């Protein structure tokens, strides 16, 4: 009954599913089967199922990863929108600042032009007042202001910048102002020497002509500044109107993202706390299941083996004491003895397997080359009888592991290659090693656990091989392939190998070709340095 139940458990767990059904089917069926278990309580997850007992943890981790993907997507989307809003706000602010500077320059230029016009008028008024009254005190304010005009024109040139038309007009304006001030000074000089009235009238007329050109050019420059001011002034007003709205929208969106993120994080923290509580409950359940498994192990190792030994002893005594029994009776007694021995071996193998599940050994640095050398020494007789070749193509790595379990692992795999070799074909067993990225591994368990790099150790042979449709069945407890019924095998070796790989944080895969050979791939995680 115990054997049938263990087989049902493993047949259930290792039934292949698509990736979409992988976790949901196993969680559901683990609960259904365990609810009907005669050995375990309703919700107990037995340690006899090495991967099934971690299915809840893996399911929780996977669903948590999916939730984090949504959080990451929301964060990236929010960050992108905030970045766009910030860039738009920055561009709008810079455009508004540039427009403000342009408008300010236009106003400065117009103000300076007005000062130039005012100082030139003061100089002309001083000239006319002196000519009419002869009072030299009237010349001082006008001529002092006229001396400031070149500096004002230089300032206008600075504010005009690269506007070609305005610079051309400014150069003409500078020339007209210089001509008019020179006329003013000449007229004042002539007036001090009693210039005749006709000559004075001619000079004043020339001054009017220059002033007419000056006035036309001055009005043109003022008009240009007003036109140039209109476009940046409109941009400035638009920026002053839209920038606060954009800033307000950015603030509202940032606040909304902050609040939504807070609630998402709060919800995730609550789920993590719930998940942690569930994990603690599962740990308690697993501890109880392990205790029950230890009891079963004791039963298998002591209470079950004692009756088997008695059966063997009594059958041997019958054969020894009653030598003249009918041949049929001797045959039946022999079969009974063989069945008892087989059952004894199965219970012993179950003890070995359960010891791998409940191992308390600590991991240490293990040189797989040394382990393989010791295994080859132990199997030297079998290798010699079969004329087998053991080829190691490259150096094996040093990993963190349990030396005794790793020795069992290599011994089982090499022994299988010898056991399942083809008749009259010497076995050739090749062992190779390479480091690969975790992204290249399609194994379900390893994909979920998400290791970054693995040592991939391949053990290939040229034996009987197998059909790949039997790959999953090979790792069931006490299962033999239908295509190899004549081979003496208990069906415990490969399940032990898989259990050892799981103990080391890795897994095993197998591929074969019937009549040509098989290859087993061992994946050991490489620690992150």
Protein backbone atom coordinates (compact mmCIF):
# COMPACT_ATOMS: atom_id res chain seq x y z
CA UNK A 1 0.00 0.00 0.00
CA UNK A 2 2.85 2.35 0.84
CA UNK A 3 4.55 1.61 -2.51
CA UNK A 4 1.32 2.21 -4.47
CA UNK A 5 0.75 5.50 -2.69
CA UNK A 6 4.30 6.76 -3.33
CA UNK A 7 3.99 5.77 -7.00
CA UNK A 8 0.68 7.63 -7.29
CA UNK A 9 2.26 10.71 -5.73
CA UNK A 10 5.18 10.72 -8.14
CA UNK A 11 3.09 9.84 -11.18
CA UNK A 12 0.88 12.77 -10.31
CA UNK A 13 3.71 15.22 -9.80
CA UNK A 14 5.73 14.37 -12.86
CA UNK A 15 2.86 14.24 -15.33
CA UNK A 16 3.91 16.74 -18.03
CA UNK A 17 1.87 19.91 -18.48
CA UNK A 18 2.16 22.94 -20.65
CA UNK A 19 3.82 25.96 -19.08
CA UNK A 20 0.44 27.61 -18.75
CA UNK A 21 -0.89 24.73 -16.61
CA UNK A 22 2.36 23.88 -14.85
CA UNK A 23 1.71 25.49 -11.44
CA UNK A 24 -2.08 25.57 -11.32
CA UNK A 25 -2.44 21.85 -12.11
CA UNK A 26 0.23 20.79 -9.64
CA UNK A 27 -1.17 22.93 -6.82
CA UNK A 28 -4.70 21.63 -7.39
CA UNK A 29 -3.70 17.98 -7.76
CA UNK A 30 -1.27 18.03 -4.87
CA UNK A 31 -4.11 19.17 -2.61
CA UNK A 32 -6.60 16.64 -4.07
CA UNK A 33 -4.26 13.68 -3.75
CA UNK A 34 -3.06 14.62 -0.29
CA UNK A 35 -6.63 15.00 0.88
CA UNK A 36 -7.11 11.30 0.09
CA UNK A 37 -3.77 10.21 1.52
CA UNK A 38 -4.01 7.51 4.18
CA UNK A 39 -0.68 8.65 5.64
CA UNK A 40 -0.96 12.46 5.82
CA UNK A 41 -3.50 15.03 7.07
CA UNK A 42 -5.70 17.02 4.72
CA UNK A 43 -3.41 20.02 4.23
CA UNK A 44 -0.06 18.36 4.94
CA UNK A 45 2.45 18.61 2.13
CA UNK A 46 4.71 15.54 2.44
CA UNK A 47 8.43 15.92 2.23
CA UNK A 48 8.43 12.74 0.10
CA UNK A 49 7.52 14.99 -2.83
CA UNK A 50 10.66 17.13 -3.20
CA UNK A 51 9.34 19.51 -5.85
CA UNK A 52 5.69 19.44 -4.83
CA UNK A 53 6.54 20.76 -1.41
CA UNK A 54 8.10 23.86 -3.00
CA UNK A 55 5.26 24.40 -5.49
CA UNK A 56 3.45 26.87 -3.19
CA UNK A 57 6.57 28.90 -2.68
CA UNK A 58 7.31 28.97 -6.42
CA UNK A 59 3.69 29.85 -7.19
CA UNK A 60 3.83 32.74 -4.72
CA UNK A 61 7.13 33.97 -6.14
CA UNK A 62 5.81 33.74 -9.71
CA UNK A 63 2.59 35.60 -8.96
CA UNK A 64 4.61 38.20 -7.08
CA UNK A 65 6.84 38.63 -10.13
CA UNK A 66 3.75 39.14 -12.31
CA UNK A 67 2.42 41.80 -9.90
CA UNK A 68 5.78 43.53 -9.89
CA UNK A 69 5.72 43.61 -13.68
CA UNK A 70 2.53 45.69 -13.52
CA UNK A 71 4.09 47.96 -10.91
CA UNK A 72 7.21 48.37 -13.04
CA UNK A 73 5.08 49.11 -16.11
CA UNK A 74 3.07 51.70 -14.18
CA UNK A 75 6.24 53.26 -12.81
CA UNK A 76 7.87 53.46 -16.25
CA UNK A 77 4.69 54.91 -17.78
CA UNK A 78 4.35 57.48 -14.99
CA UNK A 79 8.02 58.37 -15.21
CA UNK A 80 7.72 58.78 -18.97
CA UNK A 81 4.68 61.05 -18.70
CA UNK A 82 6.31 63.11 -15.94
CA UNK A 83 9.43 63.42 -18.07
CA UNK A 84 7.39 64.62 -21.06
CA UNK A 85 5.48 67.11 -18.89
CA UNK A 86 8.73 68.32 -17.33
CA UNK A 87 10.36 68.76 -20.74
CA UNK A 88 7.30 70.63 -22.03
CA UNK A 89 7.27 72.80 -18.93
CA UNK A 90 10.99 73.49 -19.28
CA UNK A 91 10.65 74.38 -22.97
CA UNK A 92 7.66 76.60 -22.25
CA UNK A 93 9.53 78.30 -19.43
CA UNK A 94 12.64 78.84 -21.56
CA UNK A 95 10.53 80.14 -24.46
CA UNK A 96 8.72 82.53 -22.13
CA UNK A 97 12.04 83.69 -20.67
CA UNK A 98 13.49 84.23 -24.14
CA UNK A 99 10.39 86.16 -25.21
CA UNK A 100 10.64 88.31 -22.07
CA UNK A 101 14.29 89.06 -22.83
CA UNK A 102 13.47 89.98 -26.42
CA UNK A 103 10.65 92.28 -25.31
CA UNK A 104 12.94 93.82 -22.71
CA UNK A 105 15.61 94.44 -25.35
CA UNK A 106 13.01 96.06 -27.61
CA UNK A 107 11.92 98.37 -24.80
CA UNK A 108 15.54 99.20 -23.95
CA UNK A 109 16.25 100.00 -27.61
CA UNK A 110 13.18 102.24 -27.87
CA UNK A 111 14.11 103.99 -24.62
CA UNK A 112 17.67 104.61 -25.78
CA UNK A 113 16.44 105.90 -29.14
CA UNK A 114 14.16 108.28 -27.24
CA UNK A 115 17.14 109.51 -25.14
CA UNK A 116 19.23 110.04 -28.30
CA UNK A 117 16.38 112.06 -29.82
CA UNK A 118 15.96 114.06 -26.59
CA UNK A 119 19.71 114.85 -26.28
CA UNK A 120 19.88 115.87 -29.95
CA UNK A 121 16.92 118.19 -29.48
CA UNK A 122 18.61 119.72 -26.42
CA UNK A 123 21.74 120.41 -28.48
CA UNK A 124 19.67 122.02 -31.29
CA UNK A 125 17.69 124.14 -28.80
CA UNK A 126 20.95 125.28 -27.17
CA UNK A 127 22.26 126.27 -30.61
CA UNK A 128 19.17 128.26 -31.54
CA UNK A 129 18.98 129.95 -28.09
CA UNK A 130 22.64 131.03 -28.28
CA UNK A 131 22.19 132.40 -31.80
CA UNK A 132 19.13 134.40 -30.77
CA UNK A 133 20.34 135.69 -27.37
CA UNK A 134 24.09 135.34 -27.45
CA UNK A 135 23.93 133.84 -23.94
CA UNK A 136 26.68 131.23 -23.73
CA UNK A 137 25.20 129.70 -20.55
CA UNK A 138 22.54 128.11 -22.73
CA UNK A 139 25.18 125.98 -24.50
CA UNK A 140 26.37 123.97 -21.48
CA UNK A 141 23.41 121.53 -20.92
CA UNK A 142 22.87 120.92 -24.63
CA UNK A 143 26.50 120.27 -25.53
CA UNK A 144 27.05 118.05 -22.44
CA UNK A 145 24.06 115.92 -23.43
CA UNK A 146 25.28 115.77 -27.03
CA UNK A 147 28.53 114.22 -25.77
CA UNK A 148 26.52 111.32 -24.33
CA UNK A 149 24.90 110.41 -27.66
CA UNK A 150 27.75 108.14 -29.01
CA UNK A 151 27.58 106.01 -25.84
CA UNK A 152 23.81 105.68 -26.21
CA UNK A 153 24.23 104.60 -29.84
CA UNK A 154 26.75 101.95 -28.76
CA UNK A 155 24.24 100.64 -26.23
CA UNK A 156 21.57 100.49 -28.91
CA UNK A 157 23.96 98.44 -31.06
CA UNK A 158 24.39 96.00 -28.18
CA UNK A 159 20.65 95.54 -27.68
CA UNK A 160 19.94 95.31 -31.40
CA UNK A 161 22.03 92.12 -31.56
CA UNK A 162 22.16 90.42 -34.93
CA UNK A 163 19.22 92.27 -36.55
CA UNK A 164 20.89 93.26 -39.83
CA UNK A 165 18.34 95.86 -40.92
CA UNK A 166 18.36 97.60 -37.56
CA UNK A 167 22.18 97.68 -37.49
CA UNK A 168 22.20 99.27 -40.95
CA UNK A 169 19.67 101.88 -39.85
CA UNK A 170 21.70 102.49 -36.67
CA UNK A 171 24.83 103.17 -38.73
CA UNK A 172 22.93 105.69 -40.87
CA UNK A 173 21.42 107.23 -37.73
CA UNK A 174 24.87 107.56 -36.20
CA UNK A 175 26.07 109.40 -39.31
CA UNK A 176 23.10 111.80 -39.39
CA UNK A 177 23.43 112.58 -35.67
CA UNK A 178 27.15 113.20 -36.06
CA UNK A 179 26.51 115.54 -39.04
CA UNK A 180 23.87 117.45 -37.13
CA UNK A 181 26.02 117.87 -33.99
CA UNK A 182 28.92 119.01 -36.16
CA UNK A 183 26.59 121.60 -37.77
CA UNK A 184 25.51 122.72 -34.31
CA UNK A 185 29.10 123.25 -33.24
CA UNK A 186 29.97 125.08 -36.50
CA UNK A 187 26.93 127.36 -36.21
CA UNK A 188 27.84 128.19 -32.59
CA UNK A 189 31.44 128.94 -33.64
CA UNK A 190 30.31 131.18 -36.55
CA UNK A 191 27.78 132.95 -34.38
CA UNK A 192 30.52 134.05 -31.97
CA UNK A 193 32.21 135.85 -34.91
CA UNK A 194 29.06 137.79 -35.99
CA UNK A 195 28.00 135.60 -38.93
CA UNK A 196 25.84 137.45 -41.45
CA UNK A 197 22.13 136.77 -41.60
CA UNK A 198 22.08 135.18 -45.06
CA UNK A 199 24.83 132.69 -44.18
CA UNK A 200 23.06 131.88 -40.91
CA UNK A 201 19.78 131.21 -42.72
CA UNK A 202 21.56 128.86 -45.13
CA UNK A 203 23.17 126.88 -42.31
CA UNK A 204 19.89 126.53 -40.43
CA UNK A 205 18.25 125.28 -43.62
CA UNK A 206 20.96 122.63 -44.02
CA UNK A 207 20.31 121.59 -40.42
CA UNK A 208 16.60 121.20 -41.14
CA UNK A 209 17.39 118.94 -44.12
CA UNK A 210 19.60 116.70 -41.94
CA UNK A 211 16.95 116.63 -39.21
CA UNK A 212 14.27 115.68 -41.73
CA UNK A 213 16.35 112.64 -42.79
CA UNK A 214 17.09 111.92 -39.13
CA UNK A 215 13.41 112.13 -38.17
CA UNK A 216 12.37 109.77 -40.98
CA UNK A 217 15.03 107.25 -40.01
CA UNK A 218 14.22 107.59 -36.30
CA UNK A 219 10.51 106.93 -36.89
CA UNK A 220 11.40 103.93 -39.06
CA UNK A 221 13.60 102.43 -36.35
CA UNK A 222 10.95 102.95 -33.68
CA UNK A 223 8.34 101.28 -35.91
CA UNK A 224 10.62 98.31 -36.50
CA UNK A 225 11.17 97.91 -32.76
CA UNK A 226 7.42 98.02 -32.17
CA UNK A 227 6.80 95.35 -34.85
CA UNK A 228 9.61 93.15 -33.55
CA UNK A 229 8.19 93.50 -30.05
CA UNK A 230 4.74 92.23 -30.96
CA UNK A 231 5.65 88.56 -31.65
CA UNK A 232 7.78 87.94 -28.52
CA UNK A 233 5.31 89.96 -26.48
CA UNK A 234 2.53 87.61 -27.62
CA UNK A 235 4.70 84.57 -26.76
CA UNK A 236 5.47 86.10 -23.40
CA UNK A 237 1.80 86.61 -22.60
CA UNK A 238 0.96 83.08 -23.79
CA UNK A 239 3.74 81.67 -21.61
CA UNK A 240 2.55 83.68 -18.63
CA UNK A 241 -0.94 82.31 -19.23
CA UNK A 242 -0.06 78.63 -19.95
CA UNK A 243 3.00 78.00 -17.78
CA UNK A 244 1.07 78.02 -14.47
CA UNK A 245 -1.50 75.63 -15.97
CA UNK A 246 1.23 73.27 -17.16
CA UNK A 247 2.95 73.47 -13.78
CA UNK A 248 -0.35 72.76 -12.05
CA UNK A 249 -1.01 69.77 -14.34
CA UNK A 250 2.48 68.42 -13.68
CA UNK A 251 2.00 68.78 -9.94
CA UNK A 252 -1.42 67.10 -10.05
CA UNK A 253 -0.12 64.20 -12.13
CA UNK A 254 2.94 63.77 -9.91
CA UNK A 255 0.74 63.81 -6.81
CA UNK A 256 -1.63 61.28 -8.39
CA UNK A 257 1.30 59.00 -9.32
CA UNK A 258 2.66 59.31 -5.79
CA UNK A 259 -0.70 58.43 -4.24
CA UNK A 260 -1.30 55.51 -6.65
CA UNK A 261 2.23 54.22 -6.08
CA UNK A 262 1.72 54.47 -2.34
CA UNK A 263 -1.45 52.39 -2.50
CA UNK A 264 0.18 49.87 -4.85
CA UNK A 265 3.18 49.53 -2.54
CA UNK A 266 0.91 49.31 0.49
CA UNK A 267 -1.16 46.59 -1.16
CA UNK A 268 1.99 44.73 -2.20
CA UNK A 269 3.34 44.94 1.34
CA UNK A 270 0.10 43.50 2.67
CA UNK A 271 0.25 40.67 0.15
CA UNK A 272 3.86 40.04 1.07
CA UNK A 273 2.91 39.85 4.74
CA UNK A 274 0.08 37.44 3.89
CA UNK A 275 2.45 35.42 1.73
CA UNK A 276 5.00 35.37 4.53
CA UNK A 277 2.36 34.12 6.95
CA UNK A 278 1.37 31.42 4.45
CA UNK A 279 5.02 30.45 4.11
CA UNK A 280 5.32 30.20 7.88
CA UNK A 281 2.25 27.99 7.95
CA UNK A 282 3.67 25.85 5.15
CA UNK A 283 6.95 25.57 7.05
CA UNK A 284 5.02 24.29 10.04
CA UNK A 285 3.13 21.85 7.80
CA UNK A 286 6.37 20.70 6.20
CA UNK A 287 7.99 20.20 9.58
CA UNK A 288 5.08 18.01 10.64
CA UNK A 289 5.21 16.16 7.31
CA UNK A 290 8.94 15.58 7.76
CA UNK A 291 8.31 14.19 11.24
CA UNK A 292 5.69 11.84 9.82
CA UNK A 293 8.06 10.87 7.01
CA UNK A 294 10.74 10.04 9.55
CA UNK A 295 8.23 7.79 11.30
CA UNK A 296 7.49 6.07 7.99
CA UNK A 297 11.20 5.72 7.38
CA UNK A 298 11.64 4.05 10.75
CA UNK A 299 8.75 1.75 9.93
CA UNK A 300 10.33 0.88 6.57
CA UNK A 301 13.81 0.41 8.01
CA UNK A 302 12.86 -1.60 11.10
CA UNK A 303 9.29 -2.83 11.42
CA UNK A 304 8.85 -3.76 7.74
CA UNK A 305 12.27 -5.29 7.29
CA UNK A 306 12.01 -7.56 10.32
CA UNK A 307 9.05 -9.59 8.91
CA UNK A 308 10.86 -9.79 5.57
CA UNK A 309 13.96 -11.21 7.24
CA UNK A 310 11.82 -13.77 9.06
CA UNK A 311 10.16 -14.81 5.78
CA UNK A 312 13.58 -15.30 4.23
CA UNK A 313 14.84 -17.18 7.28
CA UNK A 314 11.83 -19.50 7.47
CA UNK A 315 11.90 -20.23 3.74
CA UNK A 316 15.60 -21.07 3.93
CA UNK A 317 14.96 -23.33 6.93
CA UNK A 318 12.21 -25.19 5.08
CA UNK A 319 14.49 -25.75 2.10
CA UNK A 320 17.33 -26.86 4.37
CA UNK A 321 15.33 -29.22 6.65
CA UNK A 322 13.06 -30.78 4.04
CA UNK A 323 15.35 -31.57 1.14
CA UNK A 324 12.99 -34.06 -0.52
CA UNK A 325 10.16 -31.61 -1.14
CA UNK A 326 8.42 -31.67 -4.50
CA UNK A 327 10.05 -29.52 -7.19
CA UNK A 328 6.99 -27.27 -7.37
CA UNK A 329 7.23 -26.50 -3.65
CA UNK A 330 10.94 -25.68 -3.96
CA UNK A 331 10.12 -23.40 -6.88
CA UNK A 332 7.45 -21.58 -4.87
CA UNK A 333 9.75 -21.22 -1.89
CA UNK A 334 12.47 -19.81 -4.16
CA UNK A 335 10.05 -17.28 -5.62
CA UNK A 336 8.91 -16.34 -2.11
CA UNK A 337 12.52 -15.83 -1.06
CA UNK A 338 13.24 -13.70 -4.15
CA UNK A 339 10.11 -11.59 -3.52
CA UNK A 340 11.15 -11.06 0.08
CA UNK A 341 14.63 -10.03 -1.04
CA UNK A 342 13.13 -7.66 -3.61
CA UNK A 343 10.82 -6.11 -1.01
CA UNK A 344 13.74 -5.84 1.39
CA UNK A 345 15.72 -4.01 -1.29
CA UNK A 346 12.81 -1.65 -2.02
CA UNK A 347 12.41 -0.69 1.63
CA UNK A 348 16.17 -0.15 1.90
CA UNK A 349 16.06 2.06 -1.19
CA UNK A 350 13.17 4.05 0.27
CA UNK A 351 15.28 4.68 3.37
CA UNK A 352 18.15 5.86 1.16
CA UNK A 353 15.86 8.14 -0.78
CA UNK A 354 14.21 9.62 2.32
CA UNK A 355 17.66 10.28 3.77
CA UNK A 356 18.38 12.45 0.73
CA UNK A 357 15.21 14.48 1.37
CA UNK A 358 15.88 15.09 5.06
CA UNK A 359 19.62 15.64 4.75
CA UNK A 360 21.14 18.02 7.29
CA UNK A 361 24.59 18.07 5.75
CA UNK A 362 26.15 21.49 5.06
CA UNK A 363 27.41 22.51 1.66
CA UNK A 364 31.14 22.81 1.11
CA UNK A 365 33.55 23.39 -1.75
CA UNK A 366 33.72 20.16 -3.76
CA UNK A 367 36.07 19.42 -6.65
CA UNK A 368 33.99 17.32 -9.05
CA UNK A 369 37.17 16.02 -10.70
CA UNK A 370 38.18 14.33 -7.42
CA UNK A 371 34.64 13.00 -6.90
CA UNK A 372 34.59 11.54 -10.41
CA UNK A 373 38.00 9.95 -9.92
CA UNK A 374 36.79 8.15 -6.75
CA UNK A 375 33.61 7.01 -8.52
CA UNK A 376 35.67 5.63 -11.42
CA UNK A 377 37.78 3.68 -8.90
CA UNK A 378 34.65 2.20 -7.32
CA UNK A 379 33.24 1.19 -10.70
CA UNK A 380 36.57 0.00 -12.09
CA UNK A 381 35.53 -3.67 -12.06
CA UNK A 382 32.28 -3.03 -13.93
CA UNK A 383 34.07 -0.77 -16.43
CA UNK A 384 36.69 -3.45 -17.02
CA UNK A 385 34.17 -6.27 -17.49
CA UNK A 386 32.21 -4.25 -20.05
CA UNK A 387 35.42 -2.87 -21.65
CA UNK A 388 33.91 0.58 -21.15
CA UNK A 389 35.69 3.86 -21.86
CA UNK A 390 35.18 6.86 -19.55
CA UNK A 391 36.15 10.04 -21.40
CA UNK A 392 36.32 13.43 -19.64
CA UNK A 393 36.62 16.09 -22.34
CA UNK A 394 37.49 19.03 -20.06
CA UNK A 395 38.05 19.92 -16.43
CA UNK A 396 34.99 19.80 -14.20
CA UNK A 397 34.24 22.78 -11.93
CA UNK A 398 34.51 23.23 -8.18
CA UNK A 399 31.03 23.74 -6.72
CA UNK A 400 29.36 24.07 -3.33
CA UNK A 401 27.82 20.72 -2.56
CA UNK A 402 27.66 17.58 -0.46
CA UNK A 403 30.49 15.21 -1.44
CA UNK A 404 28.71 11.98 -0.53
CA UNK A 405 25.60 12.89 -2.53
CA UNK A 406 27.62 14.03 -5.55
CA UNK A 407 29.45 10.68 -5.49
CA UNK A 408 26.08 8.86 -5.51
CA UNK A 409 24.95 11.07 -8.41
CA UNK A 410 27.89 10.26 -10.71
CA UNK A 411 27.95 6.63 -9.65
CA UNK A 412 24.27 6.13 -10.51
CA UNK A 413 24.57 7.83 -13.91
CA UNK A 414 27.74 5.97 -14.94
CA UNK A 415 26.34 2.68 -13.61
CA UNK A 416 23.19 3.25 -15.70
CA UNK A 417 25.33 3.81 -18.80
CA UNK A 418 27.09 0.50 -18.15
CA UNK A 419 23.88 -1.35 -17.25
CA UNK A 420 21.93 -0.15 -20.29
CA UNK A 421 24.73 -0.65 -22.83
CA UNK A 422 24.11 -2.53 -26.08
CA UNK A 423 25.22 -6.11 -26.51
CA UNK A 424 28.65 -6.56 -28.05
CA UNK A 425 29.12 -2.75 -28.14
CA UNK A 426 31.65 -1.52 -25.55
CA UNK A 427 30.20 1.45 -23.65
CA UNK A 428 31.73 4.85 -24.34
CA UNK A 429 30.77 7.36 -21.62
CA UNK A 430 31.65 10.99 -22.32
CA UNK A 431 31.53 13.71 -19.68
CA UNK A 432 31.72 17.39 -20.71
CA UNK A 433 31.35 20.67 -18.85
CA UNK A 434 30.44 24.21 -19.90
CA UNK A 435 29.13 27.40 -18.25
CA UNK A 436 25.89 28.73 -19.75
CA UNK A 437 23.48 31.57 -19.13
CA UNK A 438 20.27 30.85 -17.26
CA UNK A 439 18.28 32.46 -20.08
CA UNK A 440 19.23 29.57 -22.38
CA UNK A 441 17.66 26.96 -20.11
CA UNK A 442 14.10 25.89 -20.85
CA UNK A 443 13.73 23.71 -17.73
CA UNK A 444 10.56 24.75 -15.88
CA UNK A 445 11.88 24.75 -12.32
CA UNK A 446 15.16 26.48 -13.18
CA UNK A 447 13.32 29.10 -15.24
CA UNK A 448 11.08 30.00 -12.31
CA UNK A 449 13.94 30.11 -9.80
CA UNK A 450 15.73 32.48 -12.18
CA UNK A 451 19.44 31.65 -11.79
CA UNK A 452 21.75 33.81 -13.85
CA UNK A 453 24.46 31.27 -14.76
CA UNK A 454 24.85 27.47 -14.49
CA UNK A 455 27.46 24.77 -14.93
CA UNK A 456 26.07 22.34 -17.50
CA UNK A 457 27.66 18.90 -17.09
CA UNK A 458 26.65 16.47 -19.84
CA UNK A 459 27.02 12.68 -19.45
CA UNK A 460 26.51 10.93 -22.81
CA UNK A 461 26.75 7.27 -23.75
CA UNK A 462 26.31 5.01 -26.78
CA UNK A 463 23.99 2.55 -25.07
CA UNK A 464 20.44 1.35 -25.67
CA UNK A 465 18.97 4.84 -25.45
CA UNK A 466 15.25 5.46 -25.06
CA UNK A 467 12.29 7.20 -26.66
CA UNK A 468 11.99 10.79 -25.43
CA UNK A 469 8.31 10.26 -24.66
CA UNK A 470 9.47 8.26 -21.62
CA UNK A 471 11.68 11.06 -20.25
CA UNK A 472 9.29 12.07 -17.45
CA UNK A 473 8.55 8.47 -16.51
CA UNK A 474 12.25 7.77 -16.01
CA UNK A 475 12.31 9.97 -12.91
CA UNK A 476 9.33 8.29 -11.21
CA UNK A 477 10.10 6.16 -8.19
CA UNK A 478 10.34 2.41 -8.93
CA UNK A 479 9.49 2.87 -12.61
CA UNK A 480 11.09 0.91 -15.45
CA UNK A 481 10.77 1.64 -19.15
CA UNK A 482 8.59 -0.76 -21.08
CA UNK A 483 11.26 -0.97 -23.76
CA UNK A 484 13.83 -2.33 -21.25
CA UNK A 485 11.96 -5.06 -19.31
CA UNK A 486 14.89 -7.51 -19.21
CA UNK A 487 17.33 -5.13 -17.49
CA UNK A 488 17.66 -5.69 -13.74
CA UNK A 489 16.81 -2.26 -12.33
CA UNK A 490 14.93 -1.12 -9.24
CA UNK A 491 13.83 2.24 -10.64
CA UNK A 492 15.39 4.25 -7.79
CA UNK A 493 18.65 5.52 -9.34
CA UNK A 494 17.37 8.41 -11.48
CA UNK A 495 14.88 9.67 -8.83
CA UNK A 496 17.83 9.78 -6.40
CA UNK A 497 19.89 11.68 -8.97
CA UNK A 498 17.10 14.21 -9.43
CA UNK A 499 16.68 14.58 -5.68
CA UNK A 500 20.43 15.23 -5.29
CA UNK A 501 20.31 17.87 -8.03
CA UNK A 502 17.41 19.60 -6.29
CA UNK A 503 19.37 19.52 -3.02
CA UNK A 504 22.10 21.45 -4.85
CA UNK A 505 19.72 24.06 -6.31
CA UNK A 506 19.80 22.62 -9.82
CA UNK A 507 18.03 20.02 -11.92
CA UNK A 508 18.56 17.28 -14.47
CA UNK A 509 17.24 16.76 -17.99
CA UNK A 510 17.58 13.79 -20.31
CA UNK A 511 17.44 13.12 -24.04
CA UNK A 512 17.80 9.85 -25.87
CA UNK A 513 17.63 8.07 -29.21
CA UNK A 514 16.50 4.44 -29.10
CA UNK A 515 19.34 2.16 -30.16
CA UNK A 516 21.93 4.95 -30.30
CA UNK A 517 22.42 6.31 -26.80
CA UNK A 518 21.36 8.89 -24.25
CA UNK A 519 22.64 12.09 -22.66
CA UNK A 520 21.89 13.53 -19.22
CA UNK A 521 22.42 17.24 -18.54
CA UNK A 522 23.17 18.34 -14.97
CA UNK A 523 22.64 22.04 -14.15
CA UNK A 524 24.52 23.37 -11.12
CA UNK A 525 24.00 27.08 -10.23
CA UNK A 526 27.07 29.31 -10.32
CA UNK A 527 27.14 31.59 -7.23
CA UNK A 528 27.12 35.33 -7.94
CA UNK A 529 30.42 36.89 -6.90
